[in-house]
Amino acid sequence: MLLVPAAAGHEVLALVPAEIIAIINNWSGGPSHPDLEYLDHILVLQHWERRWDAQLYGRVGGTLELAVERPPRDPFSGAVCTIEQSSYCYDLAQTLGDVYDVARRQASAARSTFWWD
C-alpha cells in the first residue's frame, strides 16, 4: 500500500514515478501495449476527472480502479464515454465484452475498472 498526498486521482500517477509503481501486466509500454506510455494514463485520468469527475482510487497490478461521481446520463455522452474507454483500454473486450457491453456495463456506472493484459 502506498498513500500519496494528492488532491486528485490523476496526481497520484504524476507524483509517484513509474519506476516506483511496478509496471506489470503490460499496462504501460509493455510488449502488448508498446504505444501506451505512463504519461498517457495521467492525461486520460485528468480528462475524465474534468469530464465525469472520475477519481483513481486504486491500482493493483495491471488494473486501475476509478470512482465516477458524474457518469454520463444521456445517450450521446454515454457513447462518447464508451468510445473513450474502449480506445484507452482495448483489453476491456476480454473483461467486459464488446463495445456494446462496455456501454451497458461500465460507461454509465459509478465505478470503472481498466485492466491490461
Protein backbone atom coordinates (compact mmCIF):
# COMPACT_ATOMS: atom_id res chain seq x y z
CA MET A 1 0.00 0.00 0.00
CA LEU A 2 1.20 3.47 -0.86
CA LEU A 3 -0.50 6.58 0.46
CA VAL A 4 0.08 9.64 -1.68
CA PRO A 5 -0.86 13.20 -0.66
CA ALA A 6 -2.68 14.08 -3.87
CA ALA A 7 -5.56 16.47 -4.40
CA ALA A 8 -6.91 14.40 -7.31
CA GLY A 9 -6.61 10.83 -8.55
CA HIS A 10 -4.57 11.61 -11.65
CA GLU A 11 -1.99 13.32 -9.47
CA VAL A 12 -1.08 10.01 -7.86
CA LEU A 13 0.48 8.82 -11.10
CA ALA A 14 2.06 12.23 -11.62
CA LEU A 15 3.58 12.32 -8.12
CA VAL A 16 4.82 8.74 -7.98
CA PRO A 17 7.42 7.94 -10.64
CA ALA A 18 6.76 4.99 -12.91
CA GLU A 19 9.86 3.28 -11.55
CA ILE A 20 8.33 3.13 -8.07
CA ILE A 21 4.99 1.78 -9.23
CA ALA A 22 5.81 -1.68 -10.56
CA ILE A 23 4.74 -1.87 -14.17
CA ILE A 24 3.33 -5.33 -14.68
CA ASN A 25 0.79 -6.92 -16.99
CA ASN A 26 1.86 -4.63 -19.84
CA TRP A 27 -0.22 -1.69 -18.62
CA SER A 28 2.36 0.78 -19.87
CA GLY A 29 4.92 0.36 -22.60
CA GLY A 30 4.94 -3.42 -22.43
CA PRO A 31 5.09 -5.75 -25.43
CA SER A 32 1.30 -5.93 -25.73
CA HIS A 33 0.81 -2.14 -25.49
CA PRO A 34 4.03 -0.51 -26.70
CA ASP A 35 2.34 2.81 -27.54
CA LEU A 36 0.68 3.26 -24.14
CA GLU A 37 3.04 5.39 -22.07
CA TYR A 38 2.89 6.35 -18.41
CA LEU A 39 2.01 9.96 -19.29
CA ASP A 40 -0.97 8.73 -21.33
CA HIS A 41 -2.55 7.36 -18.15
CA ILE A 42 -2.10 10.69 -16.38
CA LEU A 43 -3.64 12.64 -19.27
CA VAL A 44 -6.61 10.28 -19.67
CA LEU A 45 -7.34 10.31 -15.94
CA GLN A 46 -7.08 14.11 -15.86
CA HIS A 47 -9.51 14.37 -18.82
CA TRP A 48 -12.02 12.00 -17.17
CA GLU A 49 -11.67 13.86 -13.90
CA ARG A 50 -12.78 17.07 -15.60
CA ARG A 51 -15.45 15.43 -17.74
CA TRP A 52 -17.02 12.86 -15.41
CA ASP A 53 -15.44 13.65 -12.01
CA ALA A 54 -13.72 10.25 -12.15
CA GLN A 55 -11.11 9.67 -9.45
CA LEU A 56 -8.45 6.99 -9.30
CA TYR A 57 -8.88 5.15 -6.01
CA GLY A 58 -6.90 2.00 -6.61
CA ARG A 59 -4.23 0.38 -8.69
CA VAL A 60 -3.28 -3.25 -8.37
CA GLY A 61 -1.01 -4.86 -10.93
CA GLY A 62 -2.33 -4.07 -14.38
CA THR A 63 -5.66 -2.73 -13.07
CA LEU A 64 -6.82 0.83 -12.46
CA GLU A 65 -9.99 1.43 -10.43
CA LEU A 66 -11.98 4.67 -10.77
CA ALA A 67 -14.90 6.09 -8.79
CA VAL A 68 -17.11 8.17 -11.09
CA GLU A 69 -19.17 10.91 -9.43
CA ARG A 70 -20.89 12.19 -12.61
CA PRO A 71 -21.16 9.30 -15.06
CA PRO A 72 -22.76 10.16 -18.40
CA ARG A 73 -26.56 10.03 -18.36
CA ASP A 74 -27.63 10.91 -21.90
CA PRO A 75 -27.09 8.57 -24.88
CA PHE A 76 -24.59 10.81 -26.68
CA SER A 77 -22.37 11.31 -23.62
CA GLY A 78 -22.60 7.59 -22.88
CA ALA A 79 -21.46 6.80 -26.41
CA VAL A 80 -18.53 9.23 -26.13
CA CYS A 81 -17.51 7.70 -22.80
CA THR A 82 -17.76 4.18 -24.24
CA ILE A 83 -15.55 5.06 -27.20
CA GLU A 84 -13.00 6.75 -24.93
CA GLN A 85 -12.89 3.82 -22.51
CA SER A 86 -12.65 1.22 -25.26
CA SER A 87 -9.91 3.17 -27.05
CA TYR A 88 -7.95 3.73 -23.85
CA CYS A 89 -8.11 0.10 -22.77
CA TYR A 90 -8.97 -2.25 -25.60
CA ASP A 91 -8.40 -5.17 -23.22
CA LEU A 92 -11.86 -4.33 -21.85
CA ALA A 93 -13.05 -6.66 -24.59
CA GLN A 94 -11.53 -9.52 -22.56
CA THR A 95 -13.13 -8.48 -19.26
CA LEU A 96 -16.43 -6.84 -20.24
CA GLY A 97 -17.08 -7.85 -23.83
CA ASP A 98 -17.55 -5.80 -26.99
CA VAL A 99 -18.18 -2.06 -27.16
CA TYR A 100 -21.90 -2.59 -26.53
CA ASP A 101 -21.09 -4.46 -23.33
CA VAL A 102 -18.77 -1.65 -22.23
CA ALA A 103 -21.64 0.80 -22.84
CA ARG A 104 -24.14 -1.29 -20.86
CA ARG A 105 -21.92 -2.44 -18.02
CA GLN A 106 -19.38 0.30 -17.35
CA ALA A 107 -19.64 3.61 -19.24
CA SER A 108 -22.54 4.95 -17.18
CA ALA A 109 -21.60 3.23 -13.91
CA ALA A 110 -20.31 4.79 -10.70
CA ARG A 111 -17.20 2.57 -10.85
CA SER A 112 -14.89 1.80 -13.75
CA THR A 113 -12.19 -0.84 -13.94
CA PHE A 114 -9.43 -0.96 -16.53
CA TRP A 115 -7.18 -3.95 -16.96
CA TRP A 116 -4.31 -4.53 -19.35
CA ASP A 117 -3.16 -7.98 -20.37
